């Protein structure tokens, strides 16, 4: 892993800023895919970071400062990497870059008993207070699955602990609308813009009745779900084509 803290490359043993913001998880983060030395959809990530900062009343570093830091860490890097940018409410910030290993296992999902409030002040904010999201992953893993699906107070499907959701029904791809309270994911945005993915509200039962289910995120891009609780889902030709087309456009462009 490579690390940059407050604009300075860290070469000594790891030392993170000690502050109340750090302890309380008071800040924001972005996880960005890089291919070799190129960062993907950077303007979308920074735009979301800036909007979230405005929403929770904190100041973030200038775009150029973060961009220079990312490019410094990516010099000489080959292959797919995960770039994490974290900004704290007290002004500290850091960037980490690490290699992304290949994953063969497809995700499996369960329904969470806890609900997400679509009216929460942190709705659509990628906060470093990530306990709620990681709880879904841990509870799912404790039952032999990989992730949990959150519903909102109206019974609408929102997202999993770690990804946005896309379903295929009657040859139509659908993702939960922002009204559900889901995060405005970057890969989700790209799918909507370039592949006409529809935004709609749908229930858990309607999701289970779909022909295929996928998770999308900045690092994994788009991957099919193998199982939701006791229901198995097979590979779908339309889904495989969408996955291939998305991977192609990601690799052919830096900005989308």
C-alpha atoms as a PDB file:
ATOM      1  CA  UNK A   1       0.000   0.000   0.000  1.00  0.00           C
ATOM      2  CA  UNK A   2       1.094   3.548  -0.762  1.00  0.00           C
ATOM      3  CA  UNK A   3      -0.100   6.373   1.494  1.00  0.00           C
ATOM      4  CA  UNK A   4      -0.185  10.153   1.372  1.00  0.00           C
ATOM      5  CA  UNK A   5      -1.248  12.214   4.429  1.00  0.00           C
ATOM      6  CA  UNK A   6      -2.063  15.930   4.169  1.00  0.00           C
ATOM      7  CA  UNK A   7      -0.276  16.091   0.824  1.00  0.00           C
ATOM      8  CA  UNK A   8       2.948  14.394   1.977  1.00  0.00           C
ATOM      9  CA  UNK A   9       4.069  10.923   0.972  1.00  0.00           C
ATOM     10  CA  UNK A  10       4.429   8.666   4.020  1.00  0.00           C
ATOM     11  CA  UNK A  11       7.608   6.583   3.956  1.00  0.00           C
ATOM     12  CA  UNK A  12       8.077   6.078   7.691  1.00  0.00           C
ATOM     13  CA  UNK A  13       5.990   3.612   9.758  1.00  0.00           C
ATOM     14  CA  UNK A  14       2.318   4.426   9.424  1.00  0.00           C
ATOM     15  CA  UNK A  15       1.148   7.367  11.530  1.00  0.00           C
ATOM     16  CA  UNK A  16      -2.402   8.636  11.030  1.00  0.00           C
ATOM     17  CA  UNK A  17      -3.673  11.993  12.324  1.00  0.00           C
ATOM     18  CA  UNK A  18      -5.012  11.615  15.863  1.00  0.00           C
ATOM     19  CA  UNK A  19      -8.038  13.817  16.367  1.00  0.00           C
ATOM     20  CA  UNK A  20     -11.649  13.802  17.505  1.00  0.00           C
ATOM     21  CA  UNK A  21     -12.727  13.786  13.856  1.00  0.00           C
ATOM     22  CA  UNK A  22     -10.735  10.613  13.299  1.00  0.00           C
ATOM     23  CA  UNK A  23     -12.067   8.925  16.449  1.00  0.00           C
ATOM     24  CA  UNK A  24     -15.672   9.910  15.747  1.00  0.00           C
ATOM     25  CA  UNK A  25     -15.614   8.997  12.076  1.00  0.00           C
ATOM     26  CA  UNK A  26     -16.457  12.596  11.208  1.00  0.00           C
ATOM     27  CA  UNK A  27     -15.564  12.919   7.563  1.00  0.00           C
ATOM     28  CA  UNK A  28     -16.050  11.638   4.034  1.00  0.00           C
ATOM     29  CA  UNK A  29     -14.361   9.216   1.697  1.00  0.00           C
ATOM     30  CA  UNK A  30     -14.296   8.146  -1.927  1.00  0.00           C
ATOM     31  CA  UNK A  31     -13.122   4.849  -3.373  1.00  0.00           C
ATOM     32  CA  UNK A  32     -11.882   5.233  -6.933  1.00  0.00           C
ATOM     33  CA  UNK A  33     -10.786   2.686  -9.505  1.00  0.00           C
ATOM     34  CA  UNK A  34      -7.476   3.223 -11.249  1.00  0.00           C
ATOM     35  CA  UNK A  35      -6.171   1.282 -14.226  1.00  0.00           C
ATOM     36  CA  UNK A  36      -2.381   1.528 -14.424  1.00  0.00           C
ATOM     37  CA  UNK A  37      -1.721   5.241 -13.785  1.00  0.00           C
ATOM     38  CA  UNK A  38      -5.181   6.470 -14.817  1.00  0.00           C
ATOM     39  CA  UNK A  39      -7.951   7.341 -12.336  1.00  0.00           C
ATOM     40  CA  UNK A  40     -11.435   6.538 -13.606  1.00  0.00           C
ATOM     41  CA  UNK A  41     -14.331   9.017 -13.475  1.00  0.00           C
ATOM     42  CA  UNK A  42     -12.346  11.345 -11.205  1.00  0.00           C
ATOM     43  CA  UNK A  43     -14.552  14.399 -11.833  1.00  0.00           C
ATOM     44  CA  UNK A  44     -17.641  12.436 -10.748  1.00  0.00           C
ATOM     45  CA  UNK A  45     -15.950  11.313  -7.543  1.00  0.00           C
ATOM     46  CA  UNK A  46     -14.762  14.789  -6.628  1.00  0.00           C
ATOM     47  CA  UNK A  47     -18.164  16.287  -7.465  1.00  0.00           C
ATOM     48  CA  UNK A  48     -19.854  13.819  -5.114  1.00  0.00           C
ATOM     49  CA  UNK A  49     -17.258  14.519  -2.423  1.00  0.00           C
ATOM     50  CA  UNK A  50     -17.847  18.280  -2.750  1.00  0.00           C
ATOM     51  CA  UNK A  51     -21.640  17.912  -2.607  1.00  0.00           C
ATOM     52  CA  UNK A  52     -21.403  15.716   0.485  1.00  0.00           C
ATOM     53  CA  UNK A  53     -19.019  18.183   2.151  1.00  0.00           C
ATOM     54  CA  UNK A  54     -21.466  21.010   1.530  1.00  0.00           C
ATOM     55  CA  UNK A  55     -24.284  18.911   2.951  1.00  0.00           C
ATOM     56  CA  UNK A  56     -22.503  18.097   6.227  1.00  0.00           C
ATOM     57  CA  UNK A  57     -20.848  21.537   6.524  1.00  0.00           C
ATOM     58  CA  UNK A  58     -17.163  20.630   6.246  1.00  0.00           C
ATOM     59  CA  UNK A  59     -14.342  21.950   4.052  1.00  0.00           C
ATOM     60  CA  UNK A  60     -12.359  19.675   1.755  1.00  0.00           C
ATOM     61  CA  UNK A  61      -9.008  20.192  -0.018  1.00  0.00           C
ATOM     62  CA  UNK A  62      -8.952  21.744  -3.477  1.00  0.00           C
ATOM     63  CA  UNK A  63      -9.492  19.296  -6.308  1.00  0.00           C
ATOM     64  CA  UNK A  64      -6.016  19.951  -7.724  1.00  0.00           C
ATOM     65  CA  UNK A  65      -4.326  19.124  -4.395  1.00  0.00           C
ATOM     66  CA  UNK A  66      -6.047  15.736  -4.177  1.00  0.00           C
ATOM     67  CA  UNK A  67      -5.449  15.078  -7.861  1.00  0.00           C
ATOM     68  CA  UNK A  68      -1.716  15.817  -7.568  1.00  0.00           C
ATOM     69  CA  UNK A  69      -1.511  13.463  -4.580  1.00  0.00           C
ATOM     70  CA  UNK A  70      -3.294  10.652  -6.408  1.00  0.00           C
ATOM     71  CA  UNK A  71      -1.086  11.008  -9.471  1.00  0.00           C
ATOM     72  CA  UNK A  72       2.006  10.994  -7.255  1.00  0.00           C
ATOM     73  CA  UNK A  73       0.975   7.704  -5.660  1.00  0.00           C
ATOM     74  CA  UNK A  74       0.041   6.119  -8.998  1.00  0.00           C
ATOM     75  CA  UNK A  75       3.404   6.724 -10.679  1.00  0.00           C
ATOM     76  CA  UNK A  76       4.695   3.410 -11.949  1.00  0.00           C
ATOM     77  CA  UNK A  77       1.634   1.463 -10.778  1.00  0.00           C
ATOM     78  CA  UNK A  78       0.500  -1.307 -13.137  1.00  0.00           C
ATOM     79  CA  UNK A  79      -2.902  -3.006 -13.162  1.00  0.00           C
ATOM     80  CA  UNK A  80      -6.099  -2.287 -11.246  1.00  0.00           C
ATOM     81  CA  UNK A  81      -5.828  -0.375  -7.973  1.00  0.00           C
ATOM     82  CA  UNK A  82      -8.185   0.925  -5.326  1.00  0.00           C
ATOM     83  CA  UNK A  83      -7.622   4.609  -4.555  1.00  0.00           C
ATOM     84  CA  UNK A  84      -9.129   5.744  -1.260  1.00  0.00           C
ATOM     85  CA  UNK A  85      -9.473   9.454  -0.531  1.00  0.00           C
ATOM     86  CA  UNK A  86     -10.553  10.383   3.027  1.00  0.00           C
ATOM     87  CA  UNK A  87     -11.139  13.901   4.329  1.00  0.00           C
ATOM     88  CA  UNK A  88     -11.783  14.652   7.994  1.00  0.00           C
ATOM     89  CA  UNK A  89     -13.925  17.467   9.365  1.00  0.00           C
ATOM     90  CA  UNK A  90     -10.875  18.967  11.115  1.00  0.00           C
ATOM     91  CA  UNK A  91      -9.009  19.458   7.823  1.00  0.00           C
ATOM     92  CA  UNK A  92      -6.796  16.354   7.819  1.00  0.00           C
ATOM     93  CA  UNK A  93      -6.911  14.227   4.690  1.00  0.00           C
ATOM     94  CA  UNK A  94      -5.235  11.166   3.275  1.00  0.00           C
ATOM     95  CA  UNK A  95      -4.997   9.049   0.144  1.00  0.00           C
ATOM     96  CA  UNK A  96      -4.186   5.351  -0.019  1.00  0.00           C
ATOM     97  CA  UNK A  97      -3.531   3.189  -3.074  1.00  0.00           C
ATOM     98  CA  UNK A  98      -3.585  -0.591  -3.024  1.00  0.00           C
ATOM     99  CA  UNK A  99      -3.732  -3.374  -5.603  1.00  0.00           C
ATOM    100  CA  UNK A 100      -7.125  -4.926  -6.322  1.00  0.00           C
ATOM    101  CA  UNK A 101      -6.965  -8.737  -6.286  1.00  0.00           C
ATOM    102  CA  UNK A 102      -9.144 -10.730  -8.656  1.00  0.00           C
ATOM    103  CA  UNK A 103     -12.286 -12.205  -7.088  1.00  0.00           C
ATOM    104  CA  UNK A 104     -13.887 -15.367  -8.418  1.00  0.00           C
ATOM    105  CA  UNK A 105     -16.722 -15.762  -5.927  1.00  0.00           C
ATOM    106  CA  UNK A 106     -20.017 -14.163  -6.920  1.00  0.00           C
ATOM    107  CA  UNK A 107     -21.989 -12.304  -4.234  1.00  0.00           C
ATOM    108  CA  UNK A 108     -24.941 -13.765  -2.360  1.00  0.00           C
ATOM    109  CA  UNK A 109     -27.451 -11.648  -0.461  1.00  0.00           C
ATOM    110  CA  UNK A 110     -29.812 -11.676   2.502  1.00  0.00           C
ATOM    111  CA  UNK A 111     -32.429  -9.167   3.615  1.00  0.00           C
ATOM    112  CA  UNK A 112     -31.510  -6.967   6.559  1.00  0.00           C
ATOM    113  CA  UNK A 113     -34.010  -6.659   9.397  1.00  0.00           C
ATOM    114  CA  UNK A 114     -32.840  -3.115  10.103  1.00  0.00           C
ATOM    115  CA  UNK A 115     -34.133  -0.380   7.800  1.00  0.00           C
ATOM    116  CA  UNK A 116     -32.526   2.694   6.266  1.00  0.00           C
ATOM    117  CA  UNK A 117     -34.296   6.009   6.701  1.00  0.00           C
ATOM    118  CA  UNK A 118     -34.395   7.736   3.321  1.00  0.00           C
ATOM    119  CA  UNK A 119     -34.870  11.068   5.144  1.00  0.00           C
ATOM    120  CA  UNK A 120     -31.678  10.754   7.203  1.00  0.00           C
ATOM    121  CA  UNK A 121     -29.327  13.771   7.019  1.00  0.00           C
ATOM    122  CA  UNK A 122     -26.577  11.380   5.901  1.00  0.00           C
ATOM    123  CA  UNK A 123     -28.616   9.942   3.027  1.00  0.00           C
ATOM    124  CA  UNK A 124     -26.532   9.957  -0.184  1.00  0.00           C
ATOM    125  CA  UNK A 125     -23.407  10.921   1.813  1.00  0.00           C
ATOM    126  CA  UNK A 126     -20.386   8.588   1.672  1.00  0.00           C
ATOM    127  CA  UNK A 127     -19.414   9.104   5.283  1.00  0.00           C
ATOM    128  CA  UNK A 128     -16.440   7.441   6.953  1.00  0.00           C
ATOM    129  CA  UNK A 129     -18.949   6.540   9.689  1.00  0.00           C
ATOM    130  CA  UNK A 130     -19.401   3.263   7.832  1.00  0.00           C
ATOM    131  CA  UNK A 131     -20.564   1.031  10.659  1.00  0.00           C
ATOM    132  CA  UNK A 132     -24.070   0.560   9.284  1.00  0.00           C
ATOM    133  CA  UNK A 133     -22.757  -0.634   5.937  1.00  0.00           C
ATOM    134  CA  UNK A 134     -20.199  -2.985   7.457  1.00  0.00           C
ATOM    135  CA  UNK A 135     -22.856  -4.396   9.791  1.00  0.00           C
ATOM    136  CA  UNK A 136     -24.734  -5.642   6.722  1.00  0.00           C
ATOM    137  CA  UNK A 137     -21.599  -7.360   5.446  1.00  0.00           C
ATOM    138  CA  UNK A 138     -20.748  -8.949   8.817  1.00  0.00           C
ATOM    139  CA  UNK A 139     -24.294 -10.185   9.479  1.00  0.00           C
ATOM    140  CA  UNK A 140     -24.469 -11.651   5.985  1.00  0.00           C
ATOM    141  CA  UNK A 141     -21.081 -13.352   6.321  1.00  0.00           C
ATOM    142  CA  UNK A 142     -22.106 -14.811   9.679  1.00  0.00           C
ATOM    143  CA  UNK A 143     -24.909 -16.617   7.820  1.00  0.00           C
ATOM    144  CA  UNK A 144     -22.742 -17.759   4.917  1.00  0.00           C
ATOM    145  CA  UNK A 145     -23.628 -14.950   2.487  1.00  0.00           C
ATOM    146  CA  UNK A 146     -21.549 -12.004   1.310  1.00  0.00           C
ATOM    147  CA  UNK A 147     -23.742  -8.922   1.796  1.00  0.00           C
ATOM    148  CA  UNK A 148     -27.076  -7.676   3.129  1.00  0.00           C
ATOM    149  CA  UNK A 149     -29.818  -5.725   1.363  1.00  0.00           C
ATOM    150  CA  UNK A 150     -31.299  -2.726   3.149  1.00  0.00           C
ATOM    151  CA  UNK A 151     -34.907  -1.618   2.689  1.00  0.00           C
ATOM    152  CA  UNK A 152     -36.175   1.835   3.614  1.00  0.00           C
ATOM    153  CA  UNK A 153     -39.081   2.822   5.864  1.00  0.00           C
ATOM    154  CA  UNK A 154     -41.494   2.338   2.940  1.00  0.00           C
ATOM    155  CA  UNK A 155     -40.322  -1.172   2.123  1.00  0.00           C
ATOM    156  CA  UNK A 156     -38.386  -0.116  -0.985  1.00  0.00           C
ATOM    157  CA  UNK A 157     -35.074  -1.766  -1.813  1.00  0.00           C
ATOM    158  CA  UNK A 158     -32.228   0.705  -1.200  1.00  0.00           C
ATOM    159  CA  UNK A 159     -28.779  -0.906  -1.591  1.00  0.00           C
ATOM    160  CA  UNK A 160     -26.488  -3.448   0.008  1.00  0.00           C
ATOM    161  CA  UNK A 161     -23.894  -2.653   2.617  1.00  0.00           C
ATOM    162  CA  UNK A 162     -21.246  -2.208  -0.071  1.00  0.00           C
ATOM    163  CA  UNK A 163     -22.913  -1.632  -3.431  1.00  0.00           C
ATOM    164  CA  UNK A 164     -25.787  -0.318  -5.494  1.00  0.00           C
ATOM    165  CA  UNK A 165     -28.282  -2.805  -6.927  1.00  0.00           C
ATOM    166  CA  UNK A 166     -29.383  -3.365 -10.530  1.00  0.00           C
ATOM    167  CA  UNK A 167     -32.111  -5.835 -11.514  1.00  0.00           C
ATOM    168  CA  UNK A 168     -33.145  -7.216 -14.896  1.00  0.00           C
ATOM    169  CA  UNK A 169     -36.860  -7.746 -15.509  1.00  0.00           C
ATOM    170  CA  UNK A 170     -38.464  -8.374 -18.907  1.00  0.00           C
ATOM    171  CA  UNK A 171     -35.235  -7.330 -20.691  1.00  0.00           C
ATOM    172  CA  UNK A 172     -35.171  -4.008 -18.798  1.00  0.00           C
ATOM    173  CA  UNK A 173     -32.417  -3.010 -16.362  1.00  0.00           C
ATOM    174  CA  UNK A 174     -33.590  -1.078 -13.282  1.00  0.00           C
ATOM    175  CA  UNK A 175     -31.784   0.437 -10.290  1.00  0.00           C
ATOM    176  CA  UNK A 176     -33.410   1.937  -7.163  1.00  0.00           C
ATOM    177  CA  UNK A 177     -34.091   5.650  -7.588  1.00  0.00           C
ATOM    178  CA  UNK A 178     -32.382   8.150  -5.307  1.00  0.00           C
ATOM    179  CA  UNK A 179     -35.749   8.613  -3.627  1.00  0.00           C
ATOM    180  CA  UNK A 180     -35.123   5.242  -1.969  1.00  0.00           C
ATOM    181  CA  UNK A 181     -32.209   6.734  -0.032  1.00  0.00           C
ATOM    182  CA  UNK A 182     -29.491   4.887  -1.940  1.00  0.00           C
ATOM    183  CA  UNK A 183     -26.016   6.299  -2.469  1.00  0.00           C
ATOM    184  CA  UNK A 184     -25.556   8.014  -5.862  1.00  0.00           C
ATOM    185  CA  UNK A 185     -22.889   5.503  -6.848  1.00  0.00           C
ATOM    186  CA  UNK A 186     -20.433   6.431  -9.576  1.00  0.00           C
ATOM    187  CA  UNK A 187     -20.810   3.190 -11.555  1.00  0.00           C
ATOM    188  CA  UNK A 188     -24.566   3.586 -11.111  1.00  0.00           C
ATOM    189  CA  UNK A 189     -24.296   7.058 -12.673  1.00  0.00           C
ATOM    190  CA  UNK A 190     -22.280   5.695 -15.604  1.00  0.00           C
ATOM    191  CA  UNK A 191     -24.791   2.912 -16.215  1.00  0.00           C
ATOM    192  CA  UNK A 192     -27.683   5.377 -16.234  1.00  0.00           C
ATOM    193  CA  UNK A 193     -25.894   7.779 -18.592  1.00  0.00           C
ATOM    194  CA  UNK A 194     -24.416   5.348 -21.109  1.00  0.00           C
ATOM    195  CA  UNK A 195     -26.765   2.353 -20.992  1.00  0.00           C
ATOM    196  CA  UNK A 196     -30.179   3.856 -20.244  1.00  0.00           C
ATOM    197  CA  UNK A 197     -30.632   2.003 -16.976  1.00  0.00           C
ATOM    198  CA  UNK A 198     -33.983   3.073 -15.501  1.00  0.00           C
ATOM    199  CA  UNK A 199     -34.456   4.440 -11.979  1.00  0.00           C
ATOM    200  CA  UNK A 200     -37.505   3.108 -10.161  1.00  0.00           C
ATOM    201  CA  UNK A 201     -38.698   2.099  -6.720  1.00  0.00           C
ATOM    202  CA  UNK A 202     -39.268  -1.612  -6.155  1.00  0.00           C
ATOM    203  CA  UNK A 203     -39.870  -3.936  -3.226  1.00  0.00           C
ATOM    204  CA  UNK A 204     -37.966  -6.959  -1.960  1.00  0.00           C
ATOM    205  CA  UNK A 205     -40.584  -9.267  -3.495  1.00  0.00           C
ATOM    206  CA  UNK A 206     -40.301  -7.511  -6.858  1.00  0.00           C
ATOM    207  CA  UNK A 207     -36.531  -7.832  -6.708  1.00  0.00           C
ATOM    208  CA  UNK A 208     -36.789 -11.561  -6.047  1.00  0.00           C
ATOM    209  CA  UNK A 209     -39.138 -11.867  -9.023  1.00  0.00           C
ATOM    210  CA  UNK A 210     -36.558 -10.367 -11.406  1.00  0.00           C
ATOM    211  CA  UNK A 211     -34.682 -12.381 -14.026  1.00  0.00           C
ATOM    212  CA  UNK A 212     -31.235 -11.413 -12.739  1.00  0.00           C
ATOM    213  CA  UNK A 213     -29.686  -9.244 -10.028  1.00  0.00           C
ATOM    214  CA  UNK A 214     -26.383  -7.381 -10.108  1.00  0.00           C
ATOM    215  CA  UNK A 215     -24.273  -5.315  -7.744  1.00  0.00           C
ATOM    216  CA  UNK A 216     -22.415  -2.261  -8.994  1.00  0.00           C
ATOM    217  CA  UNK A 217     -19.613  -0.305  -7.358  1.00  0.00           C
ATOM    218  CA  UNK A 218     -16.568   1.691  -8.390  1.00  0.00           C
ATOM    219  CA  UNK A 219     -14.108  -1.182  -7.917  1.00  0.00           C
ATOM    220  CA  UNK A 220     -16.138  -4.259  -8.851  1.00  0.00           C
ATOM    221  CA  UNK A 221     -18.026  -2.359 -11.574  1.00  0.00           C
ATOM    222  CA  UNK A 222     -20.936  -4.723 -12.341  1.00  0.00           C
ATOM    223  CA  UNK A 223     -21.149  -8.314 -11.125  1.00  0.00           C
ATOM    224  CA  UNK A 224     -24.027 -10.814 -11.108  1.00  0.00           C
ATOM    225  CA  UNK A 225     -25.536 -12.062  -7.864  1.00  0.00           C
ATOM    226  CA  UNK A 226     -25.580 -15.846  -7.556  1.00  0.00           C
ATOM    227  CA  UNK A 227     -28.150 -16.213  -4.767  1.00  0.00           C
ATOM    228  CA  UNK A 228     -30.599 -14.157  -2.729  1.00  0.00           C
ATOM    229  CA  UNK A 229     -31.442 -16.062   0.424  1.00  0.00           C
ATOM    230  CA  UNK A 230     -32.799 -19.397  -0.919  1.00  0.00           C
ATOM    231  CA  UNK A 231     -33.277 -18.332  -4.553  1.00  0.00           C
ATOM    232  CA  UNK A 232     -30.563 -19.063  -7.111  1.00  0.00           C
ATOM    233  CA  UNK A 233     -29.925 -16.864 -10.141  1.00  0.00           C
ATOM    234  CA  UNK A 234     -28.316 -18.160 -13.332  1.00  0.00           C
ATOM    235  CA  UNK A 235     -26.038 -16.276 -15.709  1.00  0.00           C
ATOM    236  CA  UNK A 236     -28.021 -14.076 -18.059  1.00  0.00           C
ATOM    237  CA  UNK A 237     -26.868 -13.253 -21.634  1.00  0.00           C
ATOM    238  CA  UNK A 238     -28.156  -9.667 -21.417  1.00  0.00           C
ATOM    239  CA  UNK A 239     -26.338  -9.225 -18.120  1.00  0.00           C
ATOM    240  CA  UNK A 240     -23.107 -10.664 -19.514  1.00  0.00           C
ATOM    241  CA  UNK A 241     -23.301  -8.261 -22.456  1.00  0.00           C
ATOM    242  CA  UNK A 242     -23.884  -5.267 -20.179  1.00  0.00           C
ATOM    243  CA  UNK A 243     -20.928  -6.288 -18.005  1.00  0.00           C
ATOM    244  CA  UNK A 244     -18.695  -6.579 -21.068  1.00  0.00           C
ATOM    245  CA  UNK A 245     -19.846  -3.272 -22.534  1.00  0.00           C
ATOM    246  CA  UNK A 246     -19.331  -1.483 -19.212  1.00  0.00           C
ATOM    247  CA  UNK A 247     -15.820  -2.884 -18.795  1.00  0.00           C
ATOM    248  CA  UNK A 248     -14.972  -1.802 -22.317  1.00  0.00           C
ATOM    249  CA  UNK A 249     -16.141   1.773 -21.839  1.00  0.00           C
ATOM    250  CA  UNK A 250     -14.359   2.018 -18.459  1.00  0.00           C
ATOM    251  CA  UNK A 251     -11.047   0.955 -20.001  1.00  0.00           C
ATOM    252  CA  UNK A 252     -11.436   3.151 -23.070  1.00  0.00           C
ATOM    253  CA  UNK A 253     -12.138   6.405 -21.208  1.00  0.00           C
ATOM    254  CA  UNK A 254     -10.744   8.183 -18.171  1.00  0.00           C
ATOM    255  CA  UNK A 255     -13.767  10.411 -17.723  1.00  0.00           C
ATOM    256  CA  UNK A 256     -17.310   9.216 -18.275  1.00  0.00           C
END
